[in-house]
Amino acid sequence: MKNSNNFDVNELKSAAQKGNVDDFINKNLSGDAAKKVKSILSDKNAMEKMLSTPEAKALFKKFTEE
């Protein structure tokens, strides 16, 4: 299942389950986007703010569906 950013959500889910999120980010995002995502993931306050958005909640719902 591809999203609007043209990467497969199932591939992201698989990478997360295997602990390969960094590899997935580097492979599927531009250098600037990858740097920004990694910065957010390493900042607890930024992460909490991001996870509280409706978009993040929808993505989380996709990850938890089987």
C-alpha atoms as a PDB file:
ATOM      1  CA  MET A   1       0.000   0.000   0.000  1.00  0.00           C
ATOM      2  CA  LYS A   2       1.640   3.235  -1.144  1.00  0.00           C
ATOM      3  CA  ASN A   3       0.899   6.536   0.556  1.00  0.00           C
ATOM      4  CA  SER A   4       0.966  10.040  -0.902  1.00  0.00           C
ATOM      5  CA  ASN A   5       4.754  10.187  -0.392  1.00  0.00           C
ATOM      6  CA  ASN A   6       5.207   7.150  -2.656  1.00  0.00           C
ATOM      7  CA  PHE A   7       6.553   4.718  -0.106  1.00  0.00           C
ATOM      8  CA  ASP A   8       4.946   1.497   0.964  1.00  0.00           C
ATOM      9  CA  VAL A   9       3.418   1.707   4.430  1.00  0.00           C
ATOM     10  CA  ASN A  10       3.877  -2.040   4.848  1.00  0.00           C
ATOM     11  CA  GLU A  11       7.600  -1.650   4.156  1.00  0.00           C
ATOM     12  CA  LEU A  12       7.775   1.034   6.847  1.00  0.00           C
ATOM     13  CA  LYS A  13       5.895  -1.229   9.255  1.00  0.00           C
ATOM     14  CA  SER A  14       8.269  -4.093   8.491  1.00  0.00           C
ATOM     15  CA  ALA A  15      11.319  -1.859   8.956  1.00  0.00           C
ATOM     16  CA  ALA A  16       9.967  -0.659  12.306  1.00  0.00           C
ATOM     17  CA  GLN A  17       9.338  -4.213  13.473  1.00  0.00           C
ATOM     18  CA  LYS A  18      12.872  -5.235  12.482  1.00  0.00           C
ATOM     19  CA  GLY A  19      14.525  -2.152  13.986  1.00  0.00           C
ATOM     20  CA  ASN A  20      15.592  -0.859  10.551  1.00  0.00           C
ATOM     21  CA  VAL A  21      13.794   2.487  10.565  1.00  0.00           C
ATOM     22  CA  ASP A  22      17.000   4.458   9.941  1.00  0.00           C
ATOM     23  CA  ASP A  23      17.711   2.426   6.813  1.00  0.00           C
ATOM     24  CA  PHE A  24      14.129   2.914   5.628  1.00  0.00           C
ATOM     25  CA  ILE A  25      14.286   6.677   6.241  1.00  0.00           C
ATOM     26  CA  ASN A  26      17.608   6.998   4.413  1.00  0.00           C
ATOM     27  CA  LYS A  27      16.336   4.960   1.462  1.00  0.00           C
ATOM     28  CA  ASN A  28      12.937   6.630   1.070  1.00  0.00           C
ATOM     29  CA  LEU A  29      13.394  10.282   2.048  1.00  0.00           C
ATOM     30  CA  SER A  30      15.557  13.094   0.725  1.00  0.00           C
ATOM     31  CA  GLY A  31      18.587  14.013   2.788  1.00  0.00           C
ATOM     32  CA  ASP A  32      16.887  17.064   4.300  1.00  0.00           C
ATOM     33  CA  ALA A  33      13.656  15.194   5.073  1.00  0.00           C
ATOM     34  CA  ALA A  34      15.575  12.288   6.614  1.00  0.00           C
ATOM     35  CA  LYS A  35      17.538  14.684   8.816  1.00  0.00           C
ATOM     36  CA  LYS A  36      14.331  16.389   9.993  1.00  0.00           C
ATOM     37  CA  VAL A  37      12.583  13.084  10.770  1.00  0.00           C
ATOM     38  CA  LYS A  38      15.590  11.805  12.710  1.00  0.00           C
ATOM     39  CA  SER A  39      15.731  15.071  14.642  1.00  0.00           C
ATOM     40  CA  ILE A  40      12.069  14.747  15.622  1.00  0.00           C
ATOM     41  CA  LEU A  41      12.480  11.086  16.572  1.00  0.00           C
ATOM     42  CA  SER A  42      15.356  11.966  18.908  1.00  0.00           C
ATOM     43  CA  ASP A  43      13.475  14.826  20.670  1.00  0.00           C
ATOM     44  CA  LYS A  44      10.861  13.620  23.180  1.00  0.00           C
ATOM     45  CA  ASN A  45       8.814  16.859  23.118  1.00  0.00           C
ATOM     46  CA  ALA A  46       8.806  17.046  19.319  1.00  0.00           C
ATOM     47  CA  MET A  47       7.855  13.371  19.132  1.00  0.00           C
ATOM     48  CA  GLU A  48       4.925  13.820  21.528  1.00  0.00           C
ATOM     49  CA  LYS A  49       3.713  16.843  19.543  1.00  0.00           C
ATOM     50  CA  MET A  50       3.953  14.926  16.274  1.00  0.00           C
ATOM     51  CA  LEU A  51       2.206  11.837  17.662  1.00  0.00           C
ATOM     52  CA  SER A  52      -0.724  13.931  18.852  1.00  0.00           C
ATOM     53  CA  THR A  53      -1.651  14.977  15.292  1.00  0.00           C
ATOM     54  CA  PRO A  54      -4.604  13.378  13.477  1.00  0.00           C
ATOM     55  CA  GLU A  55      -2.238  12.238  10.695  1.00  0.00           C
ATOM     56  CA  ALA A  56       0.024  10.402  13.124  1.00  0.00           C
ATOM     57  CA  LYS A  57      -2.970   8.785  14.803  1.00  0.00           C
ATOM     58  CA  ALA A  58      -4.243   7.583  11.412  1.00  0.00           C
ATOM     59  CA  LEU A  59      -0.820   6.164  10.537  1.00  0.00           C
ATOM     60  CA  PHE A  60      -0.596   4.443  13.905  1.00  0.00           C
ATOM     61  CA  LYS A  61      -4.012   2.920  13.261  1.00  0.00           C
ATOM     62  CA  LYS A  62      -2.736   1.523   9.932  1.00  0.00           C
ATOM     63  CA  PHE A  63       0.279   0.011  11.700  1.00  0.00           C
ATOM     64  CA  THR A  64      -1.824  -1.706  14.318  1.00  0.00           C
ATOM     65  CA  GLU A  65      -4.324  -3.199  11.894  1.00  0.00           C
ATOM     66  CA  GLU A  66      -3.594  -6.711  10.739  1.00  0.00           C
END
